[in-house]
Structure formats: C-alpha cells, structure tokens
Amino acid sequence: RHPDKIIGVLGCMAQKDQRLIFERAPYVDLVVGPGQLHQVAELIEKIAAGEGPRMEVSLGRKQGTRQAVTRSHESFDPLRTVEMRATPYQAYVRIMIGCDKFCTYCVVPTTRGPEQSRPPSQIASEVRMLAGQGVREVTLIGQTVNSYSHVEDGRTWRLADLLELIHDTEGIDRIKFVTNFPRDMDTPLLEAVNDLSKVCRYLHVPAQSGSDAVLERMKRGYTVDEYREMIGRINEIVPGCAVSSDFIVGFCGESDQEFEASVRLVEECRFKNSFIFKYSPRSGTKADDRLDDDVPEAQKRERNARLLEGQTAICEEDNALFIGRSVEVLVEGLSKMTLKQQKRQHRGTPHPM
C-alpha cells in the first residue's frame, strides 16, 4: 500500500536467513547483519535512488579463514549521543562481540561471528567521553563479557585489567558488566570486583541447568560441581556479592530427575534473580539439527512456573533483609507512573482514583 516505504530487516536473524528473507517477503528492500549496521544509512540512500534491494551480511564461520570471518563481523556500536540513551545517567559500552562457545541451542556464534575484543585504550576513551556527557554508571557488555582478551602495546588485557583501567574515570560512580560465562570466571576478576569500590558487587552467571547430562547436551563446557566451585569462590572472595542466573527448562530429553536437579541448584545457590526460559528450537543450531524437542509444551510450562515460583520465594526472603536499611541508589529519572500522570495533566484528563 505504500511503495515509497523502505523496509529493512536488521540484526542476527538477517544474518542467519539472508536471501531467504527476500523469498519470504518480497516487499523487503534491505537485509543487514549485525556487522554491517554502520552501512544502513548509505544503503537506504542507494535504495531510495532506485538501485534496488540490498543485502549486506558477514561471512559464515566456514566461508573463509578465521581472520577473514572475524574482519567481516568487525563492527562495534557507533558512539551514541545523549538523546539516544534511555537515561542520560547510564550507558552501555560494548567491549567485545561474537562468541566461540557454540552452545547447541544458540545461534550467536553463527550470527555474530568469532569472539573479538576492542582495544582497552578505545574503551577507556569512550568511558571518558560518556562521563563528560553526564553518565554516572557504565555497564560493559559482551556475549561472554568475562572472556574479554586483547593484546595492546605488548600486554594482554583481561577484564580485571580493563576494570582497573576505567575505575578512576572522573564522574563515573558505578561500573557493571554482563553477561559472564562460568568457565571464564577467574580469581583475578573476582579480586577486582572486591577491591575496586566503583565496581558493583553483582555477577550475572548463567547456569542453564542443574544436571550434568543436560549441560553436556547443551555443550556448556562445565559440570554442576565446577559451577558450585565457582559460586564458592565468589562467596569467599566477594562476600555479599549478588549472583543472578539463567535457566532453560524443557531442553531436549530433560527428564523429571534432571529438572529436579535445576530446582535443587536454585535452592542451594540462592540466586538474587533468575531469568527462566522454556526451551524452543532455533533453526541452524545443533540442538535443532541433532536433538528431538521431545518435552511436551504443557510440561515445559509447568516446569517454568515451578522454577520461577521457587526463585521468587528466595527473592522475597532476601529482599526482606533490606527492610530498615539505608542504601545508596542512582536516581535514573521520573518513574513511568509519574510520566503518565504528567501526560494526563497536560491533556486535562482527570486522574483515576
């Protein structure tokens, strides 16, 4: 109905499906993978000039040498203006892209390419720029952020080194980082979290399952005992650290006993929060190609609800310990409720009782 409109499909699914998108939806003009987002403006201009549909994607993992594939995915977020952030006081800083873990349920290693980390000097410069714009809290992000590793000036920098580098940035009060991979949670990083006052004592470390058999089918690369050992080191080195997790219920072949192992792990570790998901197959993943999605949907829903119920009870108990305490908070701005009230008042609409 609007032939002048330019329609684009951008991101991971564009990288995965590529020309299939044009076949499914012939009205799409633009297909762009994550590594080519910086080209979007130029591509739109070409389409508007009548040059026809455009597709820009990175090489597949097997379509060239690792160096060539990495270069084709090499694109970090452009420096954003204050107006592009949800709040002027908080900002995300991407320190690495890609993933080399190859979990059987995940498309990221294919759609985002090999792991590659940004130079620490470039990251420090961006953090200083953000502080100059009034940012008080930065969150360093990466698919497996604690896998960060970059050689600069003859020195290998890991995440602990990067935290120390940006810690004294004037104007920055809080530093966070997500998401962590259990196998890469080394002791120097935990010591940095404990020793650097601006680094928040919060670690998001997805377990995904409490069963060794399920973890093996997921190809997570660690056992439940190794995850427990990591939790023990966190509690020892960073006392009072808040740890949150992710869990997938109903993964291929998950038995009642394997699900119960996840329930026990949540109860044992007492996560501050858990993001709990029902497994759903993703085309192009090893799990979809080689494993049967054989847990009934009703059982997935039941397990999801039960694990969430257990986590919620733990959250309520732990949150109750804050009653009567004074803590420092970062005021992000007006609440959504206040903004809605202001809009009603501006329109002259009476506020409902």
Protein backbone atom coordinates (compact mmCIF):
# COMPACT_ATOMS: atom_id res chain seq x y z
CA ARG A 1 0.00 0.00 0.00
CA HIS A 2 2.99 2.31 0.50
CA PRO A 3 5.50 1.51 -2.24
CA ASP A 4 7.65 4.50 -1.29
CA LYS A 5 8.40 3.00 2.12
CA ILE A 6 11.80 1.33 2.55
CA ILE A 7 11.54 -1.81 4.67
CA GLY A 8 14.61 -3.39 6.26
CA VAL A 9 15.31 -6.49 8.33
CA LEU A 10 18.37 -5.95 10.54
CA GLY A 11 20.33 -7.97 13.07
CA CYS A 12 21.03 -11.60 13.93
CA MET A 13 18.05 -13.09 12.08
CA ALA A 14 19.01 -11.15 8.97
CA GLN A 15 22.50 -12.65 9.19
CA LYS A 16 21.07 -16.15 9.64
CA ASP A 17 18.32 -16.14 6.98
CA GLN A 18 19.84 -13.73 4.43
CA ARG A 19 18.23 -14.18 0.95
CA LEU A 20 15.51 -16.35 2.44
CA ILE A 21 14.01 -13.12 3.81
CA PHE A 22 13.58 -11.74 0.28
CA GLU A 23 11.91 -15.02 -0.77
CA ARG A 24 9.51 -14.97 2.17
CA ALA A 25 8.80 -11.24 1.97
CA PRO A 26 9.44 -9.76 -1.50
CA TYR A 27 8.47 -6.29 -0.24
CA VAL A 28 11.63 -6.17 1.94
CA ASP A 29 14.24 -3.81 0.49
CA LEU A 30 17.13 -4.22 2.90
CA VAL A 31 18.75 -7.15 4.76
CA VAL A 32 21.66 -6.20 7.04
CA GLY A 33 23.61 -8.32 9.53
CA PRO A 34 24.96 -7.06 12.90
CA GLY A 35 28.42 -6.49 11.42
CA GLN A 36 27.13 -4.07 8.79
CA LEU A 37 24.77 -1.85 10.79
CA HIS A 38 27.08 1.11 10.22
CA GLN A 39 26.24 0.87 6.49
CA VAL A 40 22.46 1.26 6.91
CA ALA A 41 22.27 4.98 6.09
CA GLU A 42 24.32 4.55 2.91
CA LEU A 43 22.27 1.53 1.82
CA ILE A 44 18.98 3.38 2.33
CA GLU A 45 20.24 6.19 0.13
CA LYS A 46 21.08 3.72 -2.65
CA ILE A 47 17.65 2.07 -2.43
CA ALA A 48 15.95 5.48 -2.48
CA ALA A 49 17.98 6.31 -5.60
CA GLY A 50 16.46 3.31 -7.37
CA GLU A 51 19.34 0.83 -7.11
CA GLY A 52 17.04 -1.96 -5.91
CA PRO A 53 17.09 -4.27 -2.85
CA ARG A 54 20.37 -4.52 -0.95
CA MET A 55 21.85 -7.23 1.27
CA GLU A 56 24.95 -6.79 3.40
CA VAL A 57 25.94 -9.65 5.74
CA SER A 58 29.10 -11.13 7.21
CA LEU A 59 30.86 -14.33 6.13
CA GLY A 60 29.69 -17.61 7.63
CA ARG A 61 32.00 -19.40 10.08
CA LYS A 62 33.14 -21.78 7.31
CA GLN A 63 33.30 -19.28 4.43
CA GLY A 64 36.87 -18.16 4.97
CA THR A 65 39.82 -18.07 7.33
CA ARG A 66 39.18 -17.07 10.94
CA GLN A 67 40.82 -13.72 10.22
CA ALA A 68 38.61 -13.09 7.19
CA VAL A 69 35.44 -14.15 9.03
CA THR A 70 36.38 -12.02 12.04
CA ARG A 71 37.03 -8.96 9.87
CA SER A 72 33.64 -9.34 8.20
CA HIS A 73 31.93 -9.19 11.62
CA GLU A 74 34.13 -6.37 12.92
CA SER A 75 31.68 -3.63 13.75
CA PHE A 76 31.10 -2.14 17.20
CA ASP A 77 28.32 0.20 18.20
CA PRO A 78 28.68 3.76 16.91
CA LEU A 79 29.22 6.41 19.57
CA ARG A 80 25.71 7.43 20.61
CA THR A 81 24.53 10.88 21.51
CA VAL A 82 22.85 11.62 24.84
CA GLU A 83 19.43 11.68 23.17
CA MET A 84 19.82 8.05 22.05
CA ARG A 85 20.13 6.69 25.61
CA ALA A 86 17.14 5.67 27.68
CA THR A 87 18.54 7.66 30.59
CA PRO A 88 21.25 10.35 30.47
CA TYR A 89 22.97 8.88 33.53
CA GLN A 90 23.51 5.29 32.39
CA ALA A 91 25.22 3.87 29.34
CA TYR A 92 26.19 0.50 27.86
CA VAL A 93 29.69 0.08 26.47
CA ARG A 94 30.27 -2.93 24.22
CA ILE A 95 33.75 -4.29 24.91
CA MET A 96 33.57 -7.41 22.73
CA ILE A 97 31.39 -9.09 20.10
CA GLY A 98 30.95 -12.64 18.89
CA CYS A 99 31.17 -15.96 20.71
CA ASP A 100 33.29 -19.12 20.48
CA LYS A 101 31.33 -21.25 22.97
CA PHE A 102 28.96 -22.96 20.47
CA CYS A 103 26.21 -23.99 22.91
CA THR A 104 23.92 -26.32 20.98
CA TYR A 105 20.78 -24.16 21.46
CA CYS A 106 22.33 -20.83 20.44
CA VAL A 107 22.67 -19.03 17.09
CA VAL A 108 25.03 -16.29 18.29
CA PRO A 109 28.36 -17.90 17.23
CA THR A 110 26.93 -18.10 13.70
CA THR A 111 25.22 -14.72 13.52
CA ARG A 112 27.73 -12.62 15.48
CA GLY A 113 30.95 -14.35 14.41
CA PRO A 114 34.12 -15.21 16.36
CA GLU A 115 34.95 -13.62 19.70
CA GLN A 116 36.86 -10.36 19.30
CA SER A 117 37.61 -7.71 21.89
CA ARG A 118 38.02 -3.95 21.50
CA PRO A 119 41.33 -2.25 22.41
CA PRO A 120 41.33 -1.16 26.08
CA SER A 121 42.51 2.35 25.13
CA GLN A 122 39.46 2.75 22.87
CA ILE A 123 37.10 1.59 25.63
CA ALA A 124 38.69 3.91 28.19
CA SER A 125 38.32 6.82 25.76
CA GLU A 126 34.62 6.06 25.27
CA VAL A 127 34.04 5.86 29.04
CA ARG A 128 35.71 9.27 29.49
CA MET A 129 33.53 10.70 26.74
CA LEU A 130 30.39 9.31 28.40
CA ALA A 131 31.44 10.73 31.77
CA GLY A 132 31.81 14.10 30.08
CA GLN A 133 28.19 13.78 28.91
CA GLY A 134 26.99 13.25 32.49
CA VAL A 135 26.91 9.45 32.64
CA ARG A 136 27.30 8.14 36.20
CA GLU A 137 27.01 4.39 35.58
CA VAL A 138 28.51 2.31 32.75
CA THR A 139 27.75 -1.33 32.01
CA LEU A 140 30.36 -3.21 29.99
CA ILE A 141 28.65 -5.73 27.72
CA GLY A 142 29.60 -8.77 25.68
CA GLN A 143 28.08 -12.14 24.87
CA THR A 144 30.57 -13.67 27.33
CA VAL A 145 31.99 -10.48 28.78
CA ASN A 146 34.49 -12.14 31.12
CA SER A 147 36.12 -13.82 28.12
CA TYR A 148 37.49 -10.37 27.19
CA SER A 149 41.09 -10.54 25.99
CA HIS A 150 43.04 -8.05 23.88
CA VAL A 151 46.75 -7.54 23.22
CA GLU A 152 47.76 -3.87 23.17
CA ASP A 153 51.27 -2.43 23.48
CA GLY A 154 52.67 -5.92 24.04
CA ARG A 155 50.39 -6.60 27.01
CA THR A 156 47.45 -8.99 27.23
CA TRP A 157 44.49 -7.25 28.84
CA ARG A 158 41.74 -9.23 30.57
CA LEU A 159 38.51 -7.92 32.07
CA ALA A 160 40.09 -7.41 35.51
CA ASP A 161 42.73 -5.15 33.92
CA LEU A 162 40.06 -3.23 32.00
CA LEU A 163 38.04 -2.59 35.17
CA GLU A 164 41.14 -1.20 36.87
CA LEU A 165 41.87 0.99 33.83
CA ILE A 166 38.46 2.72 33.81
CA HIS A 167 37.87 2.68 37.57
CA ASP A 168 39.27 6.14 38.30
CA THR A 169 37.45 7.87 35.44
CA GLU A 170 36.24 11.16 36.92
CA GLY A 171 32.44 11.36 37.04
CA ILE A 172 31.81 7.61 36.85
CA ASP A 173 30.38 6.25 40.12
CA ARG A 174 29.30 2.72 39.22
CA ILE A 175 30.63 0.04 36.88
CA LYS A 176 28.82 -3.19 35.94
CA PHE A 177 29.45 -5.93 33.37
CA VAL A 178 27.27 -8.63 31.76
CA THR A 179 26.97 -11.47 30.77
CA ASN A 180 29.55 -13.85 32.29
CA PHE A 181 30.46 -17.40 31.33
CA PRO A 182 31.08 -19.76 34.29
CA ARG A 183 34.29 -21.29 32.91
CA ASP A 184 35.91 -17.86 32.48
CA MET A 185 35.17 -16.55 35.99
CA ASP A 186 38.80 -16.35 37.10
CA THR A 187 40.10 -15.32 40.51
CA PRO A 188 41.78 -12.04 39.36
CA LEU A 189 38.38 -10.82 38.10
CA LEU A 190 36.71 -11.61 41.42
CA GLU A 191 39.51 -9.85 43.29
CA ALA A 192 38.98 -6.79 41.09
CA VAL A 193 35.25 -6.79 41.90
CA ASN A 194 36.11 -6.94 45.59
CA ASP A 195 38.91 -4.37 45.57
CA LEU A 196 37.56 -1.70 43.20
CA SER A 197 34.96 0.37 45.05
CA LYS A 198 33.08 1.55 41.93
CA VAL A 199 32.54 -1.97 40.58
CA CYS A 200 29.13 -3.23 41.69
CA ARG A 201 29.08 -6.49 43.61
CA TYR A 202 26.79 -8.12 41.11
CA LEU A 203 27.56 -11.01 38.76
CA HIS A 204 25.21 -12.50 36.19
CA VAL A 205 26.49 -16.03 35.53
CA PRO A 206 24.02 -18.29 33.68
CA ALA A 207 23.96 -21.91 34.87
CA GLN A 208 21.24 -23.01 32.36
CA SER A 209 20.71 -26.37 34.13
CA GLY A 210 21.50 -28.22 37.35
CA SER A 211 22.04 -31.50 35.53
CA ASP A 212 25.40 -32.62 34.14
CA ALA A 213 23.67 -34.66 31.43
CA VAL A 214 21.66 -31.66 30.23
CA LEU A 215 24.73 -29.39 30.37
CA GLU A 216 26.56 -31.91 28.20
CA ARG A 217 23.72 -31.97 25.66
CA MET A 218 23.81 -28.17 25.71
CA LYS A 219 27.61 -28.29 25.24
CA ARG A 220 28.12 -25.76 28.01
CA GLY A 221 31.66 -26.95 28.81
CA TYR A 222 31.40 -27.24 32.60
CA THR A 223 29.83 -29.53 35.21
CA VAL A 224 27.49 -28.66 38.07
CA ASP A 225 30.32 -29.26 40.56
CA GLU A 226 32.50 -26.81 38.63
CA TYR A 227 29.69 -24.26 38.77
CA ARG A 228 29.37 -24.85 42.52
CA GLU A 229 33.13 -24.35 42.92
CA MET A 230 32.81 -21.01 41.11
CA ILE A 231 29.97 -19.95 43.43
CA GLY A 232 32.14 -20.89 46.40
CA ARG A 233 35.00 -18.70 45.14
CA ILE A 234 32.60 -15.81 44.58
CA ASN A 235 31.28 -16.07 48.15
CA GLU A 236 34.79 -16.35 49.56
CA ILE A 237 36.47 -13.55 47.57
CA VAL A 238 33.49 -11.16 47.22
CA PRO A 239 31.40 -11.55 50.39
CA GLY A 240 27.80 -10.44 49.93
CA CYS A 241 28.04 -10.45 46.12
CA ALA A 242 24.68 -10.73 44.36
CA VAL A 243 24.68 -13.54 41.78
CA SER A 244 21.91 -14.00 39.21
CA SER A 245 21.48 -16.76 36.66
CA ASP A 246 19.66 -18.06 33.57
CA PHE A 247 17.90 -21.42 33.26
CA ILE A 248 16.35 -23.25 30.33
CA VAL A 249 13.64 -25.76 31.25
CA GLY A 250 12.35 -28.47 28.95
CA PHE A 251 15.58 -28.78 26.95
CA CYS A 252 15.80 -31.77 24.64
CA GLY A 253 15.47 -35.00 26.60
CA GLU A 254 15.14 -33.32 30.02
CA SER A 255 13.76 -35.90 32.46
CA ASP A 256 11.93 -35.20 35.72
CA GLN A 257 15.11 -36.05 37.63
CA GLU A 258 17.18 -33.64 35.52
CA PHE A 259 14.68 -30.85 36.08
CA GLU A 260 14.68 -31.52 39.83
CA ALA A 261 18.46 -31.03 39.76
CA SER A 262 17.85 -27.47 38.49
CA VAL A 263 15.38 -26.86 41.32
CA ARG A 264 17.98 -28.01 43.84
CA LEU A 265 20.68 -25.79 42.33
CA VAL A 266 18.45 -22.71 42.61
CA GLU A 267 17.67 -23.55 46.23
CA GLU A 268 21.34 -24.19 47.00
CA CYS A 269 22.84 -21.13 45.31
CA ARG A 270 20.01 -18.77 46.33
CA PHE A 271 20.36 -16.60 43.26
CA LYS A 272 19.30 -12.99 43.65
CA ASN A 273 17.34 -13.41 40.43
CA SER A 274 16.99 -15.94 37.63
CA PHE A 275 15.77 -15.49 34.08
CA ILE A 276 13.90 -18.72 33.32
CA PHE A 277 13.00 -19.74 29.78
CA LYS A 278 11.13 -22.61 28.16
CA TYR A 279 13.27 -24.25 25.50
CA SER A 280 12.25 -23.54 21.93
CA PRO A 281 14.27 -24.78 18.94
CA ARG A 282 16.17 -22.35 16.73
CA SER A 283 16.84 -23.33 13.14
CA GLY A 284 20.53 -23.55 12.35
CA THR A 285 21.54 -24.73 15.82
CA LYS A 286 23.00 -28.15 16.66
CA ALA A 287 20.13 -28.86 19.06
CA ASP A 288 17.58 -28.31 16.30
CA ASP A 289 19.58 -30.41 13.83
CA ARG A 290 20.52 -33.32 16.09
CA LEU A 291 18.22 -33.47 19.13
CA ASP A 292 14.50 -34.04 19.48
CA ASP A 293 12.38 -31.32 21.08
CA ASP A 294 10.57 -34.06 22.99
CA VAL A 295 9.37 -32.36 26.20
CA PRO A 296 5.64 -31.56 25.86
CA GLU A 297 4.73 -27.88 25.91
CA ALA A 298 2.45 -28.33 28.93
CA GLN A 299 5.33 -29.87 30.88
CA LYS A 300 7.61 -27.01 29.87
CA ARG A 301 5.06 -24.51 31.19
CA GLU A 302 4.70 -26.43 34.44
CA ARG A 303 8.46 -26.62 34.99
CA ASN A 304 8.90 -22.96 34.10
CA ALA A 305 6.23 -21.94 36.62
CA ARG A 306 7.64 -24.15 39.38
CA LEU A 307 11.23 -22.96 38.99
CA LEU A 308 10.06 -19.35 38.83
CA GLU A 309 7.96 -19.86 41.97
CA GLY A 310 11.00 -21.19 43.85
CA GLN A 311 13.19 -18.31 42.70
CA THR A 312 10.51 -15.75 43.61
CA ALA A 313 10.32 -17.13 47.17
CA ILE A 314 14.10 -16.79 47.53
CA CYS A 315 13.97 -13.21 46.20
CA GLU A 316 11.26 -12.26 48.70
CA GLU A 317 13.24 -13.71 51.62
CA ASP A 318 16.46 -11.97 50.60
CA ASN A 319 14.75 -8.67 49.80
CA ALA A 320 13.13 -8.66 53.25
CA LEU A 321 16.62 -8.36 54.76
CA PHE A 322 16.81 -4.82 53.33
CA ILE A 323 13.87 -3.60 55.38
CA GLY A 324 15.11 -0.84 57.68
CA ARG A 325 18.47 -0.47 55.91
CA SER A 326 19.74 2.66 54.16
CA VAL A 327 21.43 2.13 50.80
CA GLU A 328 22.80 4.38 48.07
CA VAL A 329 20.79 4.43 44.85
CA LEU A 330 21.16 6.07 41.45
CA VAL A 331 18.13 8.18 40.58
CA GLU A 332 17.54 7.45 36.90
CA GLY A 333 14.72 9.93 36.34
CA LEU A 334 10.95 10.18 36.63
CA SER A 335 9.06 6.92 37.01
CA LYS A 336 6.76 5.66 34.26
CA MET A 337 3.79 6.31 36.54
CA THR A 338 4.82 9.94 37.08
CA LEU A 339 5.31 10.46 33.34
CA LYS A 340 1.83 9.04 32.66
CA GLN A 341 0.34 11.38 35.26
CA GLN A 342 2.08 14.36 33.68
CA LYS A 343 0.71 13.43 30.25
CA ARG A 344 -2.82 13.18 31.65
CA GLN A 345 -2.50 16.56 33.35
CA HIS A 346 -1.15 18.11 30.15
CA ARG A 347 -4.20 16.81 28.24
CA GLY A 348 -6.51 17.89 31.03
CA THR A 349 -7.63 14.30 31.68
CA PRO A 350 -8.73 13.68 35.28
CA HIS A 351 -6.57 11.13 37.11
CA PRO A 352 -8.48 7.95 38.04
CA MET A 353 -8.83 7.27 41.77
